[in-house]
Amino acid sequence: MPLALSFIFIGFFIWIAENIATFLGAWQYPNQQDVWSWVHLGKISSWFLLVIISFVIVAQLKHLKESRAGRKKNGEAKKIAI
């Protein structure tokens, strides 16, 4: 399965979970105050983007951790002020 397609599926299932949560009253959007309605289909793109950004951040942090571990193993570790 292509990676982009899997991200779309993840976004879709999060959107389904969001609809279930709003139906059960976990929160409401302004258009759902009087009567429940589906969350706009356009929100899938927001969830899709969130999934991509999350994967990129985790991959970068993993790469950073591995590079620091490699330097530490070689005795080249430097203190980084945060």
PDB file of N, CA and C in Angstrom:
ATOM      1  N   MET A   1       0.848  -1.172   0.000  1.00  0.00           N
ATOM      2  CA  MET A   1       0.000   0.000   0.000  1.00  0.00           C
ATOM      3  C   MET A   1       0.900   1.243   0.000  1.00  0.00           C
ATOM      4  N   PRO A   2       0.619   2.199  -0.858  1.00  0.00           N
ATOM      5  CA  PRO A   2       1.401   3.435  -0.867  1.00  0.00           C
ATOM      6  C   PRO A   2       1.250   4.199   0.453  1.00  0.00           C
ATOM      7  N   LEU A   3       2.311   4.856   0.845  1.00  0.00           N
ATOM      8  CA  LEU A   3       2.320   5.566   2.116  1.00  0.00           C
ATOM      9  C   LEU A   3       1.263   6.669   2.155  1.00  0.00           C
ATOM     10  N   ALA A   4       1.119   7.406   1.072  1.00  0.00           N
ATOM     11  CA  ALA A   4       0.131   8.495   1.039  1.00  0.00           C
ATOM     12  C   ALA A   4      -1.285   7.949   1.225  1.00  0.00           C
ATOM     13  N   LEU A   5      -1.573   6.809   0.626  1.00  0.00           N
ATOM     14  CA  LEU A   5      -2.893   6.201   0.774  1.00  0.00           C
ATOM     15  C   LEU A   5      -3.142   5.787   2.226  1.00  0.00           C
ATOM     16  N   SER A   6      -2.118   5.274   2.876  1.00  0.00           N
ATOM     17  CA  SER A   6      -2.290   4.894   4.285  1.00  0.00           C
ATOM     18  C   SER A   6      -2.539   6.124   5.150  1.00  0.00           C
ATOM     19  N   PHE A   7      -1.893   7.258   4.828  1.00  0.00           N
ATOM     20  CA  PHE A   7      -2.150   8.496   5.563  1.00  0.00           C
ATOM     21  C   PHE A   7      -3.593   8.956   5.357  1.00  0.00           C
ATOM     22  N   ILE A   8      -4.102   8.812   4.136  1.00  0.00           N
ATOM     23  CA  ILE A   8      -5.489   9.188   3.865  1.00  0.00           C
ATOM     24  C   ILE A   8      -6.442   8.295   4.657  1.00  0.00           C
ATOM     25  N   PHE A   9      -6.157   6.997   4.701  1.00  0.00           N
ATOM     26  CA  PHE A   9      -7.003   6.087   5.482  1.00  0.00           C
ATOM     27  C   PHE A   9      -6.973   6.436   6.964  1.00  0.00           C
ATOM     28  N   ILE A  10      -5.806   6.749   7.491  1.00  0.00           N
ATOM     29  CA  ILE A  10      -5.711   7.130   8.903  1.00  0.00           C
ATOM     30  C   ILE A  10      -6.531   8.386   9.150  1.00  0.00           C
ATOM     31  N   GLY A  11      -6.389   9.392   8.270  1.00  0.00           N
ATOM     32  CA  GLY A  11      -7.180  10.614   8.394  1.00  0.00           C
ATOM     33  C   GLY A  11      -8.675  10.342   8.337  1.00  0.00           C
ATOM     34  N   PHE A  12      -9.083   9.427   7.450  1.00  0.00           N
ATOM     35  CA  PHE A  12     -10.499   9.076   7.328  1.00  0.00           C
ATOM     36  C   PHE A  12     -11.022   8.431   8.613  1.00  0.00           C
ATOM     37  N   PHE A  13     -10.257   7.508   9.179  1.00  0.00           N
ATOM     38  CA  PHE A  13     -10.723   6.837  10.394  1.00  0.00           C
ATOM     39  C   PHE A  13     -10.730   7.782  11.596  1.00  0.00           C
ATOM     40  N   ILE A  14      -9.817   8.741  11.627  1.00  0.00           N
ATOM     41  CA  ILE A  14      -9.872   9.753  12.692  1.00  0.00           C
ATOM     42  C   ILE A  14     -11.120  10.609  12.516  1.00  0.00           C
ATOM     43  N   TRP A  15     -11.460  10.925  11.259  1.00  0.00           N
ATOM     44  CA  TRP A  15     -12.676  11.691  10.984  1.00  0.00           C
ATOM     45  C   TRP A  15     -13.915  10.926  11.439  1.00  0.00           C
ATOM     46  N   ILE A  16     -13.940   9.616  11.191  1.00  0.00           N
ATOM     47  CA  ILE A  16     -15.054   8.783  11.665  1.00  0.00           C
ATOM     48  C   ILE A  16     -15.127   8.840  13.191  1.00  0.00           C
ATOM     49  N   ALA A  17     -13.984   8.727  13.860  1.00  0.00           N
ATOM     50  CA  ALA A  17     -13.960   8.787  15.324  1.00  0.00           C
ATOM     51  C   ALA A  17     -14.429  10.155  15.816  1.00  0.00           C
ATOM     52  N   GLU A  18     -14.085  11.204  15.088  1.00  0.00           N
ATOM     53  CA  GLU A  18     -14.538  12.547  15.457  1.00  0.00           C
ATOM     54  C   GLU A  18     -16.061  12.649  15.352  1.00  0.00           C
ATOM     55  N   ASN A  19     -16.631  12.048  14.320  1.00  0.00           N
ATOM     56  CA  ASN A  19     -18.088  12.043  14.176  1.00  0.00           C
ATOM     57  C   ASN A  19     -18.757  11.276  15.304  1.00  0.00           C
ATOM     58  N   ILE A  20     -18.185  10.154  15.673  1.00  0.00           N
ATOM     59  CA  ILE A  20     -18.737   9.371  16.788  1.00  0.00           C
ATOM     60  C   ILE A  20     -18.672  10.175  18.077  1.00  0.00           C
ATOM     61  N   ALA A  21     -17.526  10.844  18.302  1.00  0.00           N
ATOM     62  CA  ALA A  21     -17.360  11.627  19.530  1.00  0.00           C
ATOM     63  C   ALA A  21     -18.340  12.799  19.589  1.00  0.00           C
ATOM     64  N   THR A  22     -18.556  13.477  18.462  1.00  0.00           N
ATOM     65  CA  THR A  22     -19.513  14.586  18.485  1.00  0.00           C
ATOM     66  C   THR A  22     -20.945  14.069  18.632  1.00  0.00           C
ATOM     67  N   PHE A  23     -21.228  12.922  18.051  1.00  0.00           N
ATOM     68  CA  PHE A  23     -22.563  12.334  18.197  1.00  0.00           C
ATOM     69  C   PHE A  23     -22.846  11.977  19.658  1.00  0.00           C
ATOM     70  N   LEU A  24     -21.832  11.459  20.350  1.00  0.00           N
ATOM     71  CA  LEU A  24     -21.999  11.073  21.753  1.00  0.00           C
ATOM     72  C   LEU A  24     -21.872  12.254  22.711  1.00  0.00           C
ATOM     73  N   GLY A  25     -21.573  13.440  22.181  1.00  0.00           N
ATOM     74  CA  GLY A  25     -21.568  14.643  23.009  1.00  0.00           C
ATOM     75  C   GLY A  25     -20.246  14.975  23.670  1.00  0.00           C
ATOM     76  N   ALA A  26     -19.143  14.419  23.204  1.00  0.00           N
ATOM     77  CA  ALA A  26     -17.843  14.753  23.787  1.00  0.00           C
ATOM     78  C   ALA A  26     -17.536  16.235  23.571  1.00  0.00           C
ATOM     79  N   TRP A  27     -17.907  16.782  22.433  1.00  0.00           N
ATOM     80  CA  TRP A  27     -17.836  18.207  22.140  1.00  0.00           C
ATOM     81  C   TRP A  27     -18.789  18.495  20.992  1.00  0.00           C
ATOM     82  N   GLN A  28     -18.998  19.779  20.746  1.00  0.00           N
ATOM     83  CA  GLN A  28     -19.879  20.198  19.661  1.00  0.00           C
ATOM     84  C   GLN A  28     -19.220  21.303  18.872  1.00  0.00           C
ATOM     85  N   TYR A  29     -19.473  21.287  17.590  1.00  0.00           N
ATOM     86  CA  TYR A  29     -19.081  22.394  16.734  1.00  0.00           C
ATOM     87  C   TYR A  29     -20.278  23.333  16.647  1.00  0.00           C
ATOM     88  N   PRO A  30     -20.055  24.596  16.270  1.00  0.00           N
ATOM     89  CA  PRO A  30     -21.172  25.561  16.240  1.00  0.00           C
ATOM     90  C   PRO A  30     -22.379  25.102  15.416  1.00  0.00           C
ATOM     91  N   ASN A  31     -22.139  24.399  14.301  1.00  0.00           N
ATOM     92  CA  ASN A  31     -23.275  23.957  13.486  1.00  0.00           C
ATOM     93  C   ASN A  31     -23.991  22.742  14.081  1.00  0.00           C
ATOM     94  N   GLN A  32     -23.516  22.229  15.203  1.00  0.00           N
ATOM     95  CA  GLN A  32     -24.133  21.061  15.834  1.00  0.00           C
ATOM     96  C   GLN A  32     -24.876  21.413  17.117  1.00  0.00           C
ATOM     97  N   GLN A  33     -25.033  22.686  17.417  1.00  0.00           N
ATOM     98  CA  GLN A  33     -25.668  23.071  18.683  1.00  0.00           C
ATOM     99  C   GLN A  33     -27.159  22.723  18.724  1.00  0.00           C
ATOM    100  N   ASP A  34     -27.860  22.952  17.634  1.00  0.00           N
ATOM    101  CA  ASP A  34     -29.299  22.670  17.621  1.00  0.00           C
ATOM    102  C   ASP A  34     -29.592  21.206  17.336  1.00  0.00           C
ATOM    103  N   VAL A  35     -28.921  20.662  16.341  1.00  0.00           N
ATOM    104  CA  VAL A  35     -29.127  19.272  15.948  1.00  0.00           C
ATOM    105  C   VAL A  35     -27.787  18.720  15.474  1.00  0.00           C
ATOM    106  N   TRP A  36     -27.532  17.450  15.776  1.00  0.00           N
ATOM    107  CA  TRP A  36     -26.260  16.858  15.377  1.00  0.00           C
ATOM    108  C   TRP A  36     -26.209  16.713  13.861  1.00  0.00           C
ATOM    109  N   SER A  37     -25.051  16.973  13.293  1.00  0.00           N
ATOM    110  CA  SER A  37     -24.829  16.746  11.864  1.00  0.00           C
ATOM    111  C   SER A  37     -23.394  16.256  11.688  1.00  0.00           C
ATOM    112  N   TRP A  38     -23.136  15.669  10.533  1.00  0.00           N
ATOM    113  CA  TRP A  38     -21.799  15.163  10.246  1.00  0.00           C
ATOM    114  C   TRP A  38     -20.774  16.283  10.296  1.00  0.00           C
ATOM    115  N   VAL A  39     -19.585  15.958  10.765  1.00  0.00           N
ATOM    116  CA  VAL A  39     -18.468  16.887  10.683  1.00  0.00           C
ATOM    117  C   VAL A  39     -18.133  17.029   9.202  1.00  0.00           C
ATOM    118  N   HIS A  40     -17.810  18.258   8.795  1.00  0.00           N
ATOM    119  CA  HIS A  40     -17.564  18.518   7.374  1.00  0.00           C
ATOM    120  C   HIS A  40     -16.483  17.582   6.832  1.00  0.00           C
ATOM    121  N   LEU A  41     -16.723  17.073   5.633  1.00  0.00           N
ATOM    122  CA  LEU A  41     -15.807  16.128   4.994  1.00  0.00           C
ATOM    123  C   LEU A  41     -14.421  16.739   4.768  1.00  0.00           C
ATOM    124  N   GLY A  42     -14.360  18.052   4.680  1.00  0.00           N
ATOM    125  CA  GLY A  42     -13.079  18.729   4.477  1.00  0.00           C
ATOM    126  C   GLY A  42     -12.117  18.569   5.652  1.00  0.00           C
ATOM    127  N   LYS A  43     -12.627  18.170   6.807  1.00  0.00           N
ATOM    128  CA  LYS A  43     -11.754  17.959   7.966  1.00  0.00           C
ATOM    129  C   LYS A  43     -10.811  16.783   7.769  1.00  0.00           C
ATOM    130  N   ILE A  44     -11.120  15.878   6.840  1.00  0.00           N
ATOM    131  CA  ILE A  44     -10.227  14.746   6.577  1.00  0.00           C
ATOM    132  C   ILE A  44      -8.857  15.262   6.152  1.00  0.00           C
ATOM    133  N   SER A  45      -8.832  16.342   5.372  1.00  0.00           N
ATOM    134  CA  SER A  45      -7.545  16.896   4.942  1.00  0.00           C
ATOM    135  C   SER A  45      -6.754  17.432   6.129  1.00  0.00           C
ATOM    136  N   SER A  46      -7.435  17.967   7.130  1.00  0.00           N
ATOM    137  CA  SER A  46      -6.744  18.441   8.338  1.00  0.00           C
ATOM    138  C   SER A  46      -6.117  17.280   9.091  1.00  0.00           C
ATOM    139  N   TRP A  47      -6.866  16.195   9.224  1.00  0.00           N
ATOM    140  CA  TRP A  47      -6.332  15.017   9.903  1.00  0.00           C
ATOM    141  C   TRP A  47      -5.195  14.401   9.091  1.00  0.00           C
ATOM    142  N   PHE A  48      -5.325  14.383   7.766  1.00  0.00           N
ATOM    143  CA  PHE A  48      -4.278  13.881   6.877  1.00  0.00           C
ATOM    144  C   PHE A  48      -2.982  14.658   7.095  1.00  0.00           C
ATOM    145  N   LEU A  49      -3.087  15.989   7.145  1.00  0.00           N
ATOM    146  CA  LEU A  49      -1.916  16.831   7.370  1.00  0.00           C
ATOM    147  C   LEU A  49      -1.318  16.578   8.752  1.00  0.00           C
ATOM    148  N   LEU A  50      -2.160  16.415   9.762  1.00  0.00           N
ATOM    149  CA  LEU A  50      -1.668  16.132  11.111  1.00  0.00           C
ATOM    150  C   LEU A  50      -0.879  14.825  11.150  1.00  0.00           C
ATOM    151  N   VAL A  51      -1.369  13.805  10.460  1.00  0.00           N
ATOM    152  CA  VAL A  51      -0.678  12.511  10.426  1.00  0.00           C
ATOM    153  C   VAL A  51       0.686  12.665   9.756  1.00  0.00           C
ATOM    154  N   ILE A  52       0.747  13.379   8.636  1.00  0.00           N
ATOM    155  CA  ILE A  52       2.018  13.578   7.934  1.00  0.00           C
ATOM    156  C   ILE A  52       3.004  14.320   8.816  1.00  0.00           C
ATOM    157  N   ILE A  53       2.561  15.407   9.432  1.00  0.00           N
ATOM    158  CA  ILE A  53       3.451  16.199  10.291  1.00  0.00           C
ATOM    159  C   ILE A  53       3.927  15.369  11.470  1.00  0.00           C
ATOM    160  N   SER A  54       3.054  14.573  12.054  1.00  0.00           N
ATOM    161  CA  SER A  54       3.448  13.726  13.187  1.00  0.00           C
ATOM    162  C   SER A  54       4.519  12.720  12.774  1.00  0.00           C
ATOM    163  N   PHE A  55       4.339  12.087  11.612  1.00  0.00           N
ATOM    164  CA  PHE A  55       5.333  11.131  11.141  1.00  0.00           C
ATOM    165  C   PHE A  55       6.671  11.819  10.875  1.00  0.00           C
ATOM    166  N   VAL A  56       6.656  13.003  10.291  1.00  0.00           N
ATOM    167  CA  VAL A  56       7.891  13.721   9.996  1.00  0.00           C
ATOM    168  C   VAL A  56       8.608  14.099  11.284  1.00  0.00           C
ATOM    169  N   ILE A  57       7.875  14.587  12.281  1.00  0.00           N
ATOM    170  CA  ILE A  57       8.489  14.967  13.555  1.00  0.00           C
ATOM    171  C   ILE A  57       9.106  13.754  14.242  1.00  0.00           C
ATOM    172  N   VAL A  58       8.388  12.653  14.292  1.00  0.00           N
ATOM    173  CA  VAL A  58       8.912  11.439  14.938  1.00  0.00           C
ATOM    174  C   VAL A  58      10.138  10.926  14.195  1.00  0.00           C
ATOM    175  N   ALA A  59      10.114  10.950  12.865  1.00  0.00           N
ATOM    176  CA  ALA A  59      11.269  10.490  12.089  1.00  0.00           C
ATOM    177  C   ALA A  59      12.481  11.377  12.339  1.00  0.00           C
ATOM    178  N   GLN A  60      12.272  12.693  12.398  1.00  0.00           N
ATOM    179  CA  GLN A  60      13.388  13.605  12.659  1.00  0.00           C
ATOM    180  C   GLN A  60      13.946  13.414  14.067  1.00  0.00           C
ATOM    181  N   LEU A  61      13.074  13.238  15.036  1.00  0.00           N
ATOM    182  CA  LEU A  61      13.547  13.028  16.407  1.00  0.00           C
ATOM    183  C   LEU A  61      14.306  11.713  16.532  1.00  0.00           C
ATOM    184  N   LYS A  62      13.838  10.687  15.837  1.00  0.00           N
ATOM    185  CA  LYS A  62      14.539   9.401  15.859  1.00  0.00           C
ATOM    186  C   LYS A  62      15.921   9.542  15.221  1.00  0.00           C
ATOM    187  N   HIS A  63      15.993  10.262  14.118  1.00  0.00           N
ATOM    188  CA  HIS A  63      17.279  10.491  13.446  1.00  0.00           C
ATOM    189  C   HIS A  63      18.224  11.281  14.358  1.00  0.00           C
ATOM    190  N   LEU A  64      17.699  12.302  15.024  1.00  0.00           N
ATOM    191  CA  LEU A  64      18.506  13.110  15.943  1.00  0.00           C
ATOM    192  C   LEU A  64      19.012  12.264  17.104  1.00  0.00           C
ATOM    193  N   LYS A  65      18.160  11.429  17.650  1.00  0.00           N
ATOM    194  CA  LYS A  65      18.546  10.571  18.777  1.00  0.00           C
ATOM    195  C   LYS A  65      19.632   9.585  18.350  1.00  0.00           C
ATOM    196  N   GLU A  66      19.482   8.994  17.165  1.00  0.00           N
ATOM    197  CA  GLU A  66      20.491   8.050  16.683  1.00  0.00           C
ATOM    198  C   GLU A  66      21.824   8.736  16.418  1.00  0.00           C
ATOM    199  N   SER A  67      21.797   9.947  15.882  1.00  0.00           N
ATOM    200  CA  SER A  67      23.055  10.648  15.614  1.00  0.00           C
ATOM    201  C   SER A  67      23.740  11.055  16.920  1.00  0.00           C
ATOM    202  N   ARG A  68      22.950  11.449  17.918  1.00  0.00           N
ATOM    203  CA  ARG A  68      23.541  11.779  19.227  1.00  0.00           C
ATOM    204  C   ARG A  68      24.119  10.538  19.891  1.00  0.00           C
ATOM    205  N   ALA A  69      23.415   9.412  19.771  1.00  0.00           N
ATOM    206  CA  ALA A  69      23.909   8.171  20.366  1.00  0.00           C
ATOM    207  C   ALA A  69      25.205   7.736  19.684  1.00  0.00           C
ATOM    208  N   GLY A  70      25.289   7.920  18.378  1.00  0.00           N
ATOM    209  CA  GLY A  70      26.509   7.574  17.647  1.00  0.00           C
ATOM    210  C   GLY A  70      27.682   8.433  18.058  1.00  0.00           C
ATOM    211  N   ARG A  71      27.451   9.741  18.243  1.00  0.00           N
ATOM    212  CA  ARG A  71      28.531  10.636  18.680  1.00  0.00           C
ATOM    213  C   ARG A  71      28.958  10.308  20.101  1.00  0.00           C
ATOM    214  N   LYS A  72      27.977   9.990  20.946  1.00  0.00           N
ATOM    215  CA  LYS A  72      28.293   9.669  22.337  1.00  0.00           C
ATOM    216  C   LYS A  72      29.138   8.397  22.410  1.00  0.00           C
ATOM    217  N   LYS A  73      28.805   7.436  21.548  1.00  0.00           N
ATOM    218  CA  LYS A  73      29.543   6.176  21.510  1.00  0.00           C
ATOM    219  C   LYS A  73      30.981   6.413  21.070  1.00  0.00           C
ATOM    220  N   ASN A  74      31.177   7.360  20.161  1.00  0.00           N
ATOM    221  CA  ASN A  74      32.515   7.670  19.662  1.00  0.00           C
ATOM    222  C   ASN A  74      33.235   8.689  20.527  1.00  0.00           C
ATOM    223  N   GLY A  75      32.634   9.154  21.598  1.00  0.00           N
ATOM    224  CA  GLY A  75      33.272  10.110  22.486  1.00  0.00           C
ATOM    225  C   GLY A  75      33.234  11.524  21.957  1.00  0.00           C
ATOM    226  N   GLU A  76      32.349  11.817  21.037  1.00  0.00           N
ATOM    227  CA  GLU A  76      32.267  13.129  20.445  1.00  0.00           C
ATOM    228  C   GLU A  76      31.065  13.921  20.938  1.00  0.00           C
ATOM    229  N   ALA A  77      30.478  13.510  22.030  1.00  0.00           N
ATOM    230  CA  ALA A  77      29.266  14.168  22.516  1.00  0.00           C
ATOM    231  C   ALA A  77      29.569  15.580  22.958  1.00  0.00           C
ATOM    232  N   LYS A  78      28.695  16.489  22.597  1.00  0.00           N
ATOM    233  CA  LYS A  78      28.825  17.888  23.003  1.00  0.00           C
ATOM    234  C   LYS A  78      27.581  18.282  23.766  1.00  0.00           C
ATOM    235  N   LYS A  79      27.753  19.148  24.733  1.00  0.00           N
ATOM    236  CA  LYS A  79      26.595  19.639  25.458  1.00  0.00           C
ATOM    237  C   LYS A  79      25.925  20.721  24.635  1.00  0.00           C
ATOM    238  N   ILE A  80      24.614  20.609  24.518  1.00  0.00           N
ATOM    239  CA  ILE A  80      23.848  21.587  23.764  1.00  0.00           C
ATOM    240  C   ILE A  80      22.980  22.340  24.746  1.00  0.00           C
ATOM    241  N   ALA A  81      23.143  23.678  24.772  1.00  0.00           N
ATOM    242  CA  ALA A  81      22.339  24.500  25.658  1.00  0.00           C
ATOM    243  C   ALA A  81      20.981  24.728  25.041  1.00  0.00           C
ATOM    244  N   ILE A  82      19.960  24.470  25.826  1.00  0.00           N
ATOM    245  CA  ILE A  82      18.582  24.672  25.320  1.00  0.00           C
ATOM    246  C   ILE A  82      17.973  25.847  26.030  1.00  0.00           C
TER     247      ILE A  82
END
